[in-house]
């Protein structure tokens, strides 16, 4: 009986230490991403969007492309009223990663300004599908119900749209063998709240790369 208790205890400890989402080899993840992305590009939005986001992250679909720089260039062009250029950069980013939630927001905003409603609606539909895949993963109120995010960029876009809260500060914590971002935010009424995001994926991938901190996702 004592041996059984020890085995059960060890089993629970090992399970607690495992990532919330098992990660594939990058080549396998890239193949899965390519299959899902092809469906999205063909107009099929009835896919597993969380899997698409995760496969894009693990499969390193950006390569040498820098989505941070692209986002800055998109924003600069948009603020200057150069909506065609902003759209061009956003669509270029989507070609590298159709799960890039920030690129879809930028493309949608630009298309709206250009009066191209049908295309804007398509971008909005994809954006909403990505948002819903995050919302379905939890409620963000605690570690146990943390939202699953594939990277810091996704967290920030999600907080800005649709949550519409203002970021104040963030700290990373480890709890029960998992990793989280605890983010302090302020809502429209000025009330503070703490949001939880599961960052097991980010931590494990950073470990694979042999570095620390967040990647450009």
N, C-alpha and C. Protein backbone atom coordinates (compact mmCIF):
# COMPACT_ATOMS: atom_id res chain seq x y z
N UNK A 1 0.83 -1.21 0.00
CA UNK A 1 0.00 0.00 0.00
C UNK A 1 0.87 1.25 0.00
N UNK A 2 1.94 1.22 0.81
CA UNK A 2 2.84 2.37 0.87
C UNK A 2 3.51 2.59 -0.49
N UNK A 3 3.90 1.50 -1.15
CA UNK A 3 4.51 1.61 -2.48
C UNK A 3 3.56 2.23 -3.47
N UNK A 4 2.29 1.84 -3.40
CA UNK A 4 1.28 2.39 -4.31
C UNK A 4 1.11 3.88 -4.08
N UNK A 5 1.12 4.30 -2.81
CA UNK A 5 0.98 5.73 -2.50
C UNK A 5 2.15 6.52 -3.06
N UNK A 6 3.33 5.96 -2.94
CA UNK A 6 4.53 6.64 -3.46
C UNK A 6 4.45 6.77 -4.98
N UNK A 7 4.01 5.69 -5.65
CA UNK A 7 3.89 5.73 -7.10
C UNK A 7 2.86 6.75 -7.55
N UNK A 8 1.74 6.81 -6.84
CA UNK A 8 0.70 7.79 -7.17
C UNK A 8 1.20 9.21 -6.97
N UNK A 9 1.98 9.40 -5.89
CA UNK A 9 2.53 10.72 -5.61
C UNK A 9 3.51 11.13 -6.69
N UNK A 10 4.38 10.21 -7.08
CA UNK A 10 5.35 10.51 -8.14
C UNK A 10 4.65 10.80 -9.46
N UNK A 11 3.59 10.03 -9.73
CA UNK A 11 2.84 10.24 -10.96
C UNK A 11 2.22 11.62 -11.01
N UNK A 12 1.64 12.05 -9.88
CA UNK A 12 1.01 13.37 -9.84
C UNK A 12 2.04 14.48 -9.97
N UNK A 13 3.24 14.26 -9.40
CA UNK A 13 4.30 15.25 -9.51
C UNK A 13 4.78 15.39 -10.95
N UNK A 14 4.89 14.26 -11.64
CA UNK A 14 5.33 14.29 -13.03
C UNK A 14 4.30 14.98 -13.92
N UNK A 15 3.03 14.69 -13.68
CA UNK A 15 1.98 15.32 -14.46
C UNK A 15 1.95 16.82 -14.24
N UNK A 16 2.19 17.24 -13.01
CA UNK A 16 2.19 18.67 -12.70
C UNK A 16 3.33 19.40 -13.38
N UNK A 17 4.40 18.66 -13.65
CA UNK A 17 5.57 19.29 -14.26
C UNK A 17 5.48 19.36 -15.77
N UNK A 18 4.52 18.64 -16.36
CA UNK A 18 4.40 18.63 -17.81
C UNK A 18 3.77 19.92 -18.30
N UNK A 19 4.14 20.38 -19.51
CA UNK A 19 3.50 21.56 -20.08
C UNK A 19 2.01 21.32 -20.28
N UNK A 20 1.22 22.39 -20.24
CA UNK A 20 -0.22 22.26 -20.44
C UNK A 20 -0.53 21.77 -21.85
N UNK A 21 0.37 22.04 -22.78
CA UNK A 21 0.15 21.65 -24.16
C UNK A 21 1.41 20.97 -24.68
N UNK A 22 1.30 19.67 -25.03
CA UNK A 22 2.46 18.93 -25.52
C UNK A 22 2.91 19.53 -26.86
N UNK A 23 4.20 19.72 -27.01
CA UNK A 23 4.72 20.38 -28.20
C UNK A 23 5.33 19.37 -29.16
N UNK A 24 5.05 19.55 -30.43
CA UNK A 24 5.60 18.70 -31.48
C UNK A 24 7.02 19.13 -31.83
N UNK A 25 7.68 18.29 -32.60
CA UNK A 25 8.93 18.69 -33.23
C UNK A 25 8.60 19.83 -34.20
N UNK A 26 9.49 20.84 -34.35
CA UNK A 26 9.21 21.98 -35.23
C UNK A 26 8.79 21.60 -36.64
N UNK A 27 9.41 20.57 -37.23
CA UNK A 27 9.06 20.17 -38.59
C UNK A 27 7.65 19.60 -38.65
N UNK A 28 7.28 18.84 -37.63
CA UNK A 28 5.93 18.28 -37.56
C UNK A 28 4.92 19.40 -37.40
N UNK A 29 5.23 20.34 -36.50
CA UNK A 29 4.34 21.47 -36.26
C UNK A 29 4.17 22.31 -37.52
N UNK A 30 5.26 22.50 -38.25
CA UNK A 30 5.19 23.30 -39.49
C UNK A 30 4.29 22.62 -40.52
N UNK A 31 4.38 21.32 -40.62
CA UNK A 31 3.53 20.58 -41.56
C UNK A 31 2.06 20.71 -41.17
N UNK A 32 1.79 20.63 -39.88
CA UNK A 32 0.41 20.78 -39.40
C UNK A 32 -0.09 22.20 -39.66
N UNK A 33 0.79 23.17 -39.42
CA UNK A 33 0.42 24.57 -39.68
C UNK A 33 0.08 24.77 -41.15
N UNK A 34 0.93 24.27 -42.03
CA UNK A 34 0.72 24.44 -43.47
C UNK A 34 -0.64 23.89 -43.90
N UNK A 35 -1.01 22.75 -43.33
CA UNK A 35 -2.30 22.13 -43.67
C UNK A 35 -3.47 22.99 -43.21
N UNK A 36 -3.38 23.48 -41.97
CA UNK A 36 -4.45 24.32 -41.43
C UNK A 36 -4.50 25.68 -42.13
N UNK A 37 -3.33 26.25 -42.39
CA UNK A 37 -3.27 27.56 -43.04
C UNK A 37 -3.87 27.49 -44.44
N UNK A 38 -3.64 26.38 -45.14
CA UNK A 38 -4.19 26.22 -46.49
C UNK A 38 -5.71 26.23 -46.45
N UNK A 39 -6.28 25.64 -45.43
CA UNK A 39 -7.74 25.64 -45.28
C UNK A 39 -8.26 27.06 -45.07
N UNK A 40 -7.58 27.80 -44.19
CA UNK A 40 -8.00 29.18 -43.92
C UNK A 40 -7.93 30.02 -45.19
N UNK A 41 -6.84 29.89 -45.92
CA UNK A 41 -6.65 30.66 -47.15
C UNK A 41 -7.66 30.30 -48.23
N UNK A 42 -8.20 29.07 -48.15
CA UNK A 42 -9.21 28.64 -49.12
C UNK A 42 -10.62 29.09 -48.69
N UNK A 43 -10.70 29.70 -47.50
CA UNK A 43 -11.99 30.17 -47.02
C UNK A 43 -12.64 29.30 -45.98
N UNK A 44 -12.00 28.20 -45.61
CA UNK A 44 -12.53 27.28 -44.61
C UNK A 44 -12.10 27.75 -43.22
N UNK A 45 -13.03 28.31 -42.45
CA UNK A 45 -12.73 28.81 -41.12
C UNK A 45 -13.13 27.82 -40.03
N UNK A 46 -13.60 26.66 -40.44
CA UNK A 46 -14.02 25.63 -39.48
C UNK A 46 -12.83 24.73 -39.14
N UNK A 47 -11.85 25.33 -38.44
CA UNK A 47 -10.63 24.59 -38.10
C UNK A 47 -10.38 24.73 -36.60
N UNK A 48 -9.35 24.05 -36.13
CA UNK A 48 -8.91 24.18 -34.74
C UNK A 48 -7.94 25.37 -34.68
N UNK A 49 -8.44 26.51 -34.27
CA UNK A 49 -7.65 27.74 -34.28
C UNK A 49 -6.56 27.73 -33.23
N UNK A 50 -6.80 27.09 -32.12
CA UNK A 50 -5.75 26.99 -31.10
C UNK A 50 -4.59 26.16 -31.63
N UNK A 51 -4.91 25.09 -32.34
CA UNK A 51 -3.87 24.26 -32.94
C UNK A 51 -3.08 25.07 -33.97
N UNK A 52 -3.78 25.87 -34.75
CA UNK A 52 -3.11 26.71 -35.75
C UNK A 52 -2.13 27.67 -35.08
N UNK A 53 -2.57 28.32 -34.02
CA UNK A 53 -1.71 29.26 -33.30
C UNK A 53 -0.49 28.56 -32.72
N UNK A 54 -0.74 27.40 -32.12
CA UNK A 54 0.35 26.66 -31.50
C UNK A 54 1.33 26.12 -32.55
N UNK A 55 0.81 25.58 -33.63
CA UNK A 55 1.67 25.04 -34.68
C UNK A 55 2.51 26.14 -35.33
N UNK A 56 1.93 27.32 -35.46
CA UNK A 56 2.68 28.45 -36.02
C UNK A 56 3.84 28.81 -35.12
N UNK A 57 3.58 28.80 -33.84
CA UNK A 57 4.63 29.16 -32.85
C UNK A 57 5.72 28.11 -32.82
N UNK A 58 5.33 26.85 -32.68
CA UNK A 58 6.30 25.76 -32.57
C UNK A 58 7.02 25.54 -33.90
N UNK A 59 6.29 25.71 -35.00
CA UNK A 59 6.87 25.49 -36.32
C UNK A 59 7.74 26.63 -36.82
N UNK A 60 7.86 27.69 -36.02
CA UNK A 60 8.74 28.82 -36.35
C UNK A 60 8.48 29.35 -37.75
N UNK A 61 7.21 29.64 -38.01
CA UNK A 61 6.80 29.99 -39.37
C UNK A 61 7.34 31.35 -39.85
N UNK A 62 7.69 32.23 -38.94
CA UNK A 62 8.19 33.54 -39.36
C UNK A 62 9.58 33.44 -40.00
N UNK A 63 10.37 32.46 -39.59
CA UNK A 63 11.73 32.38 -40.09
C UNK A 63 12.51 33.62 -39.70
N UNK A 64 13.12 34.28 -40.68
CA UNK A 64 13.89 35.50 -40.42
C UNK A 64 13.01 36.75 -40.43
N UNK A 65 11.75 36.59 -40.75
CA UNK A 65 10.82 37.73 -40.81
C UNK A 65 10.55 38.24 -39.39
N UNK A 66 10.58 39.56 -39.21
CA UNK A 66 10.39 40.17 -37.89
C UNK A 66 9.00 40.79 -37.78
N UNK A 67 8.06 40.13 -37.12
CA UNK A 67 6.70 40.67 -37.01
C UNK A 67 6.62 41.93 -36.16
N UNK A 68 7.57 42.10 -35.22
CA UNK A 68 7.60 43.32 -34.42
C UNK A 68 7.88 44.53 -35.32
N UNK A 69 8.91 44.41 -36.14
CA UNK A 69 9.25 45.48 -37.07
C UNK A 69 8.12 45.74 -38.05
N UNK A 70 7.51 44.67 -38.53
CA UNK A 70 6.39 44.81 -39.48
C UNK A 70 5.23 45.56 -38.82
N UNK A 71 4.95 45.23 -37.56
CA UNK A 71 3.85 45.90 -36.85
C UNK A 71 4.13 47.39 -36.68
N UNK A 72 5.38 47.72 -36.39
CA UNK A 72 5.76 49.14 -36.25
C UNK A 72 5.59 49.87 -37.58
N UNK A 73 6.02 49.25 -38.66
CA UNK A 73 5.90 49.88 -39.98
C UNK A 73 4.43 50.01 -40.39
N UNK A 74 3.64 49.02 -40.04
CA UNK A 74 2.21 49.07 -40.34
C UNK A 74 1.55 50.22 -39.60
N UNK A 75 1.86 50.35 -38.31
CA UNK A 75 1.28 51.40 -37.49
C UNK A 75 1.70 52.78 -38.00
N UNK A 76 2.96 52.92 -38.37
CA UNK A 76 3.47 54.20 -38.86
C UNK A 76 2.75 54.61 -40.14
N UNK A 77 2.57 53.65 -41.05
CA UNK A 77 1.89 53.93 -42.31
C UNK A 77 0.42 54.29 -42.06
N UNK A 78 -0.21 53.58 -41.15
CA UNK A 78 -1.62 53.82 -40.85
C UNK A 78 -1.81 55.22 -40.26
N UNK A 79 -0.94 55.59 -39.34
CA UNK A 79 -1.05 56.91 -38.69
C UNK A 79 -0.83 58.05 -39.68
N UNK A 80 -0.08 57.78 -40.75
CA UNK A 80 0.16 58.79 -41.79
C UNK A 80 -0.98 58.82 -42.81
N UNK A 81 -1.94 57.90 -42.64
CA UNK A 81 -3.04 57.84 -43.58
C UNK A 81 -2.72 57.06 -44.84
N UNK A 82 -1.59 56.37 -44.84
CA UNK A 82 -1.19 55.56 -45.98
C UNK A 82 -1.73 54.15 -45.78
N UNK A 83 -3.03 54.01 -45.97
CA UNK A 83 -3.70 52.75 -45.67
C UNK A 83 -3.32 51.63 -46.62
N UNK A 84 -3.02 51.97 -47.85
CA UNK A 84 -2.57 50.96 -48.81
C UNK A 84 -1.26 50.31 -48.35
N UNK A 85 -0.34 51.14 -47.88
CA UNK A 85 0.94 50.62 -47.41
C UNK A 85 0.76 49.81 -46.13
N UNK A 86 -0.09 50.31 -45.23
CA UNK A 86 -0.36 49.57 -44.00
C UNK A 86 -0.95 48.21 -44.31
N UNK A 87 -1.87 48.17 -45.26
CA UNK A 87 -2.49 46.91 -45.65
C UNK A 87 -1.47 45.98 -46.28
N UNK A 88 -0.61 46.52 -47.13
CA UNK A 88 0.41 45.72 -47.79
C UNK A 88 1.30 45.00 -46.78
N UNK A 89 1.73 45.73 -45.75
CA UNK A 89 2.61 45.13 -44.74
C UNK A 89 1.85 44.10 -43.91
N UNK A 90 0.60 44.41 -43.55
CA UNK A 90 -0.20 43.48 -42.76
C UNK A 90 -0.42 42.17 -43.51
N UNK A 91 -0.72 42.27 -44.80
CA UNK A 91 -0.94 41.06 -45.60
C UNK A 91 0.35 40.28 -45.78
N UNK A 92 1.48 40.99 -45.86
CA UNK A 92 2.78 40.33 -45.94
C UNK A 92 3.04 39.51 -44.67
N UNK A 93 2.68 40.09 -43.53
CA UNK A 93 2.83 39.38 -42.25
C UNK A 93 1.94 38.15 -42.21
N UNK A 94 0.71 38.28 -42.70
CA UNK A 94 -0.21 37.15 -42.72
C UNK A 94 0.32 36.01 -43.60
N UNK A 95 1.04 36.35 -44.66
CA UNK A 95 1.62 35.31 -45.52
C UNK A 95 2.64 34.48 -44.75
N UNK A 96 3.31 35.11 -43.81
CA UNK A 96 4.27 34.37 -42.99
C UNK A 96 3.58 33.60 -41.88
N UNK A 97 2.49 34.18 -41.36
CA UNK A 97 1.77 33.53 -40.27
C UNK A 97 0.31 33.96 -40.29
N UNK A 98 -0.54 33.11 -40.81
CA UNK A 98 -1.96 33.44 -40.92
C UNK A 98 -2.62 33.51 -39.55
N UNK A 99 -1.92 33.07 -38.51
CA UNK A 99 -2.45 33.13 -37.14
C UNK A 99 -1.99 34.39 -36.41
N UNK A 100 -1.32 35.30 -37.12
CA UNK A 100 -0.84 36.54 -36.49
C UNK A 100 -2.04 37.45 -36.25
N UNK A 101 -2.50 37.48 -35.02
CA UNK A 101 -3.72 38.19 -34.68
C UNK A 101 -3.58 39.70 -34.88
N UNK A 102 -2.39 40.24 -34.64
CA UNK A 102 -2.15 41.67 -34.80
C UNK A 102 -2.24 42.08 -36.27
N UNK A 103 -1.74 41.23 -37.17
CA UNK A 103 -1.79 41.53 -38.59
C UNK A 103 -3.23 41.60 -39.10
N UNK A 104 -4.08 40.73 -38.57
CA UNK A 104 -5.48 40.75 -39.00
C UNK A 104 -6.19 42.01 -38.52
N UNK A 105 -5.86 42.48 -37.34
CA UNK A 105 -6.43 43.74 -36.86
C UNK A 105 -6.01 44.88 -37.78
N UNK A 106 -4.72 44.92 -38.12
CA UNK A 106 -4.20 45.98 -38.97
C UNK A 106 -4.83 45.93 -40.36
N UNK A 107 -4.94 44.72 -40.91
CA UNK A 107 -5.53 44.57 -42.24
C UNK A 107 -7.00 45.00 -42.23
N UNK A 108 -7.72 44.58 -41.21
CA UNK A 108 -9.14 44.95 -41.06
C UNK A 108 -9.30 46.46 -40.97
N UNK A 109 -8.49 47.10 -40.14
CA UNK A 109 -8.58 48.55 -39.97
C UNK A 109 -8.27 49.28 -41.28
N UNK A 110 -7.24 48.82 -41.98
CA UNK A 110 -6.85 49.46 -43.24
C UNK A 110 -7.93 49.29 -44.30
N UNK A 111 -8.46 48.09 -44.41
CA UNK A 111 -9.51 47.83 -45.40
C UNK A 111 -10.77 48.64 -45.12
N UNK A 112 -11.08 48.84 -43.86
CA UNK A 112 -12.22 49.68 -43.51
C UNK A 112 -12.01 51.10 -44.00
N UNK A 113 -10.81 51.61 -43.77
CA UNK A 113 -10.48 52.97 -44.20
C UNK A 113 -10.52 53.09 -45.73
N UNK A 114 -10.21 52.02 -46.41
CA UNK A 114 -10.19 52.02 -47.87
C UNK A 114 -11.57 51.72 -48.47
N UNK A 115 -12.55 51.47 -47.60
CA UNK A 115 -13.91 51.21 -48.06
C UNK A 115 -14.10 49.85 -48.69
N UNK A 116 -13.21 48.92 -48.38
CA UNK A 116 -13.29 47.57 -48.96
C UNK A 116 -13.94 46.64 -47.94
N UNK A 117 -15.25 46.79 -47.79
CA UNK A 117 -16.00 46.14 -46.71
C UNK A 117 -15.94 44.62 -46.77
N UNK A 118 -16.10 44.04 -47.95
CA UNK A 118 -16.13 42.59 -48.05
C UNK A 118 -14.82 41.97 -47.56
N UNK A 119 -13.70 42.57 -47.97
CA UNK A 119 -12.40 42.06 -47.54
C UNK A 119 -12.18 42.31 -46.05
N UNK A 120 -12.68 43.47 -45.59
CA UNK A 120 -12.55 43.81 -44.17
C UNK A 120 -13.32 42.80 -43.32
N UNK A 121 -14.51 42.43 -43.78
CA UNK A 121 -15.33 41.46 -43.04
C UNK A 121 -14.62 40.11 -42.93
N UNK A 122 -13.90 39.72 -43.98
CA UNK A 122 -13.16 38.46 -43.96
C UNK A 122 -12.05 38.52 -42.90
N UNK A 123 -11.33 39.63 -42.87
CA UNK A 123 -10.28 39.80 -41.87
C UNK A 123 -10.86 39.78 -40.46
N UNK A 124 -12.01 40.41 -40.30
CA UNK A 124 -12.65 40.45 -38.98
C UNK A 124 -13.09 39.06 -38.54
N UNK A 125 -13.58 38.26 -39.48
CA UNK A 125 -14.02 36.90 -39.16
C UNK A 125 -12.84 36.06 -38.66
N UNK A 126 -11.69 36.19 -39.31
CA UNK A 126 -10.50 35.45 -38.89
C UNK A 126 -10.03 35.95 -37.53
N UNK A 127 -10.03 37.26 -37.36
CA UNK A 127 -9.64 37.83 -36.07
C UNK A 127 -10.53 37.31 -34.95
N UNK A 128 -11.84 37.30 -35.18
CA UNK A 128 -12.77 36.82 -34.17
C UNK A 128 -12.56 35.34 -33.86
N UNK A 129 -12.24 34.55 -34.88
CA UNK A 129 -11.99 33.12 -34.66
C UNK A 129 -10.75 32.93 -33.78
N UNK A 130 -9.73 33.73 -34.02
CA UNK A 130 -8.52 33.66 -33.19
C UNK A 130 -8.81 34.09 -31.76
N UNK A 131 -9.58 35.15 -31.61
CA UNK A 131 -9.94 35.64 -30.27
C UNK A 131 -10.74 34.59 -29.52
N UNK A 132 -11.73 33.99 -30.19
CA UNK A 132 -12.56 32.99 -29.54
C UNK A 132 -11.75 31.78 -29.09
N UNK A 133 -10.72 31.43 -29.85
CA UNK A 133 -9.89 30.28 -29.46
C UNK A 133 -9.13 30.57 -28.17
N UNK A 134 -8.84 31.84 -27.91
CA UNK A 134 -8.20 32.22 -26.65
C UNK A 134 -9.24 32.24 -25.53
N UNK A 135 -10.38 32.85 -25.80
CA UNK A 135 -11.44 32.95 -24.79
C UNK A 135 -11.91 31.58 -24.32
N UNK A 136 -11.96 30.62 -25.23
CA UNK A 136 -12.44 29.28 -24.88
C UNK A 136 -11.46 28.51 -24.01
N UNK A 137 -10.22 28.98 -23.93
CA UNK A 137 -9.20 28.24 -23.17
C UNK A 137 -9.26 28.50 -21.67
N UNK A 138 -10.06 29.46 -21.23
CA UNK A 138 -10.18 29.75 -19.80
C UNK A 138 -10.94 31.04 -19.59
N UNK A 139 -10.79 31.60 -18.37
CA UNK A 139 -11.41 32.90 -18.11
C UNK A 139 -10.39 33.94 -17.63
N UNK A 140 -9.13 33.51 -17.49
CA UNK A 140 -8.07 34.45 -17.13
C UNK A 140 -8.09 34.95 -15.70
N UNK A 141 -8.89 34.32 -14.85
CA UNK A 141 -9.04 34.81 -13.49
C UNK A 141 -8.10 34.16 -12.49
N UNK A 142 -7.49 33.05 -12.87
CA UNK A 142 -6.60 32.34 -11.95
C UNK A 142 -5.63 31.48 -12.74
N UNK A 143 -4.68 30.87 -12.04
CA UNK A 143 -3.74 29.98 -12.71
C UNK A 143 -4.46 28.79 -13.34
N UNK A 144 -5.42 28.23 -12.61
CA UNK A 144 -6.13 27.05 -13.11
C UNK A 144 -7.00 27.35 -14.32
N UNK A 145 -7.41 28.60 -14.46
CA UNK A 145 -8.28 28.96 -15.59
C UNK A 145 -7.61 30.01 -16.48
N UNK A 146 -6.29 29.98 -16.51
CA UNK A 146 -5.54 30.95 -17.31
C UNK A 146 -5.82 30.78 -18.79
N UNK A 147 -5.78 31.89 -19.51
CA UNK A 147 -5.90 31.83 -20.96
C UNK A 147 -4.61 31.27 -21.54
N UNK A 148 -4.73 30.48 -22.59
CA UNK A 148 -3.56 29.93 -23.26
C UNK A 148 -3.10 30.91 -24.33
N UNK A 149 -1.85 31.37 -24.21
CA UNK A 149 -1.27 32.28 -25.20
C UNK A 149 0.01 31.67 -25.73
N UNK A 150 0.28 31.89 -27.02
CA UNK A 150 1.49 31.33 -27.61
C UNK A 150 2.66 32.31 -27.54
N UNK A 151 2.42 33.52 -27.05
CA UNK A 151 3.51 34.49 -26.94
C UNK A 151 3.02 35.83 -26.44
N UNK A 152 3.94 36.69 -26.12
CA UNK A 152 3.63 37.97 -25.51
C UNK A 152 2.86 38.89 -26.44
N UNK A 153 3.14 38.85 -27.75
CA UNK A 153 2.41 39.71 -28.68
C UNK A 153 0.93 39.38 -28.67
N UNK A 154 0.64 38.09 -28.63
CA UNK A 154 -0.75 37.66 -28.60
C UNK A 154 -1.46 38.17 -27.35
N UNK A 155 -0.76 38.13 -26.22
CA UNK A 155 -1.32 38.63 -24.97
C UNK A 155 -1.72 40.09 -25.09
N UNK A 156 -0.82 40.91 -25.63
CA UNK A 156 -1.06 42.34 -25.68
C UNK A 156 -2.20 42.70 -26.63
N UNK A 157 -2.26 42.05 -27.79
CA UNK A 157 -3.36 42.32 -28.71
C UNK A 157 -4.68 41.88 -28.10
N UNK A 158 -4.67 40.75 -27.43
CA UNK A 158 -5.87 40.23 -26.79
C UNK A 158 -6.36 41.18 -25.70
N UNK A 159 -5.43 41.77 -24.95
CA UNK A 159 -5.83 42.71 -23.91
C UNK A 159 -6.39 44.01 -24.50
N UNK A 160 -5.77 44.43 -25.59
CA UNK A 160 -6.23 45.67 -26.24
C UNK A 160 -7.56 45.47 -26.95
N UNK A 161 -7.67 44.37 -27.65
CA UNK A 161 -8.89 43.98 -28.37
C UNK A 161 -9.03 42.47 -28.22
N UNK A 162 -10.10 41.97 -27.64
CA UNK A 162 -11.37 42.61 -27.33
C UNK A 162 -11.54 43.08 -25.89
N UNK A 163 -10.58 42.75 -25.00
CA UNK A 163 -10.79 43.07 -23.59
C UNK A 163 -10.84 44.57 -23.33
N UNK A 164 -10.10 45.32 -24.13
CA UNK A 164 -10.06 46.79 -24.01
C UNK A 164 -9.66 47.22 -22.61
N UNK A 165 -8.55 46.65 -22.14
CA UNK A 165 -7.99 47.04 -20.85
C UNK A 165 -6.60 47.62 -21.08
N UNK A 166 -6.15 48.41 -20.12
CA UNK A 166 -4.84 49.06 -20.24
C UNK A 166 -3.81 48.31 -19.40
N UNK A 167 -2.73 47.96 -20.03
CA UNK A 167 -1.64 47.25 -19.36
C UNK A 167 -0.96 48.16 -18.35
N UNK A 168 -0.65 47.59 -17.16
CA UNK A 168 0.08 48.36 -16.15
C UNK A 168 1.43 47.70 -15.83
N UNK A 169 1.39 46.42 -15.50
CA UNK A 169 2.64 45.71 -15.23
C UNK A 169 2.41 44.21 -15.31
N UNK A 170 3.52 43.48 -15.41
CA UNK A 170 3.43 42.02 -15.57
C UNK A 170 4.58 41.36 -14.83
N UNK A 171 4.31 40.16 -14.33
CA UNK A 171 5.38 39.36 -13.76
C UNK A 171 5.12 37.89 -14.07
N UNK A 172 6.19 37.15 -14.25
CA UNK A 172 6.09 35.73 -14.56
C UNK A 172 6.18 34.92 -13.27
N UNK A 173 5.34 33.91 -13.17
CA UNK A 173 5.32 33.07 -11.97
C UNK A 173 5.25 31.60 -12.37
N UNK A 174 5.73 30.74 -11.48
CA UNK A 174 5.62 29.30 -11.67
C UNK A 174 4.74 28.76 -10.56
N UNK A 175 3.76 27.97 -10.93
CA UNK A 175 2.83 27.44 -9.94
C UNK A 175 2.39 26.03 -10.36
N UNK A 176 2.55 25.09 -9.44
CA UNK A 176 2.16 23.69 -9.69
C UNK A 176 2.79 23.14 -10.97
N UNK A 177 4.04 23.51 -11.20
CA UNK A 177 4.77 22.98 -12.34
C UNK A 177 4.50 23.68 -13.67
N UNK A 178 3.70 24.73 -13.67
CA UNK A 178 3.37 25.46 -14.89
C UNK A 178 3.80 26.92 -14.78
N UNK A 179 3.90 27.56 -15.93
CA UNK A 179 4.37 28.95 -15.97
C UNK A 179 3.26 29.88 -16.44
N UNK A 180 3.24 31.06 -15.84
CA UNK A 180 2.18 32.02 -16.14
C UNK A 180 2.71 33.44 -16.18
N UNK A 181 2.00 34.26 -16.95
CA UNK A 181 2.16 35.70 -16.87
C UNK A 181 0.98 36.22 -16.07
N UNK A 182 1.28 36.91 -14.98
CA UNK A 182 0.26 37.62 -14.21
C UNK A 182 0.33 39.08 -14.64
N UNK A 183 -0.74 39.56 -15.25
CA UNK A 183 -0.72 40.91 -15.81
C UNK A 183 -1.73 41.80 -15.09
N UNK A 184 -1.23 42.89 -14.54
CA UNK A 184 -2.09 43.88 -13.88
C UNK A 184 -2.58 44.85 -14.94
N UNK A 185 -3.90 45.01 -15.02
CA UNK A 185 -4.50 45.90 -16.02
C UNK A 185 -5.53 46.80 -15.36
N UNK A 186 -5.94 47.82 -16.11
CA UNK A 186 -7.01 48.72 -15.67
C UNK A 186 -8.08 48.74 -16.74
N UNK A 187 -9.35 48.58 -16.31
CA UNK A 187 -10.43 48.59 -17.29
C UNK A 187 -10.92 50.02 -17.55
N UNK A 188 -11.94 50.15 -18.37
CA UNK A 188 -12.42 51.47 -18.76
C UNK A 188 -12.93 52.30 -17.59
N UNK A 189 -13.41 51.62 -16.55
CA UNK A 189 -13.94 52.32 -15.38
C UNK A 189 -12.84 52.72 -14.40
N UNK A 190 -11.60 52.32 -14.70
CA UNK A 190 -10.48 52.65 -13.82
C UNK A 190 -10.21 51.59 -12.76
N UNK A 191 -10.92 50.47 -12.84
CA UNK A 191 -10.75 49.39 -11.86
C UNK A 191 -9.60 48.48 -12.28
N UNK A 192 -8.75 48.13 -11.31
CA UNK A 192 -7.63 47.24 -11.58
C UNK A 192 -8.08 45.78 -11.53
N UNK A 193 -7.39 44.96 -12.31
CA UNK A 193 -7.67 43.52 -12.31
C UNK A 193 -6.38 42.79 -12.69
N UNK A 194 -6.30 41.52 -12.31
CA UNK A 194 -5.15 40.69 -12.65
C UNK A 194 -5.61 39.62 -13.64
N UNK A 195 -4.92 39.54 -14.77
CA UNK A 195 -5.22 38.54 -15.78
C UNK A 195 -4.12 37.49 -15.81
N UNK A 196 -4.52 36.24 -16.01
CA UNK A 196 -3.56 35.13 -16.03
C UNK A 196 -3.47 34.54 -17.42
N UNK A 197 -2.24 34.34 -17.89
CA UNK A 197 -1.98 33.69 -19.17
C UNK A 197 -1.02 32.53 -18.95
N UNK A 198 -1.36 31.37 -19.48
CA UNK A 198 -0.45 30.22 -19.41
C UNK A 198 0.66 30.42 -20.44
N UNK A 199 1.91 30.34 -19.98
CA UNK A 199 3.06 30.57 -20.87
C UNK A 199 3.98 29.35 -20.94
N UNK A 200 3.46 28.17 -20.68
CA UNK A 200 4.27 26.95 -20.77
C UNK A 200 4.94 26.83 -22.14
N UNK A 201 4.19 27.13 -23.19
CA UNK A 201 4.73 27.02 -24.55
C UNK A 201 5.95 27.92 -24.72
N UNK A 202 5.82 29.16 -24.32
CA UNK A 202 6.91 30.12 -24.45
C UNK A 202 8.14 29.66 -23.67
N UNK A 203 7.92 29.21 -22.45
CA UNK A 203 9.04 28.80 -21.60
C UNK A 203 9.74 27.58 -22.19
N UNK A 204 8.96 26.60 -22.64
CA UNK A 204 9.58 25.38 -23.18
C UNK A 204 10.35 25.68 -24.46
N UNK A 205 9.78 26.50 -25.33
CA UNK A 205 10.46 26.83 -26.58
C UNK A 205 11.71 27.66 -26.35
N UNK A 206 11.66 28.54 -25.37
CA UNK A 206 12.86 29.29 -25.01
C UNK A 206 13.93 28.35 -24.48
N UNK A 207 13.49 27.32 -23.74
CA UNK A 207 14.44 26.34 -23.23
C UNK A 207 15.07 25.53 -24.35
N UNK A 208 14.27 25.21 -25.38
CA UNK A 208 14.79 24.49 -26.53
C UNK A 208 15.88 25.31 -27.23
N UNK A 209 15.62 26.64 -27.28
CA UNK A 209 16.56 27.51 -27.97
C UNK A 209 17.77 27.85 -27.11
N UNK A 210 17.68 27.52 -25.82
CA UNK A 210 18.80 27.76 -24.91
C UNK A 210 18.97 29.21 -24.50
N UNK A 211 17.82 29.96 -24.51
CA UNK A 211 17.89 31.35 -24.06
C UNK A 211 16.82 31.62 -23.02
N UNK A 212 16.69 32.86 -22.64
CA UNK A 212 15.72 33.24 -21.63
C UNK A 212 14.84 34.35 -22.18
N UNK A 213 13.66 34.50 -21.56
CA UNK A 213 12.77 35.56 -21.96
C UNK A 213 11.88 35.15 -23.11
N UNK A 214 11.06 36.08 -23.59
CA UNK A 214 10.10 35.80 -24.64
C UNK A 214 10.72 35.89 -26.02
N UNK A 215 10.20 35.07 -26.92
CA UNK A 215 10.56 35.20 -28.33
C UNK A 215 9.71 36.31 -28.94
N UNK A 216 9.79 36.48 -30.25
CA UNK A 216 9.05 37.57 -30.86
C UNK A 216 7.63 37.17 -31.23
N UNK A 217 7.05 36.30 -30.46
CA UNK A 217 5.67 35.94 -30.69
C UNK A 217 4.81 36.60 -29.64
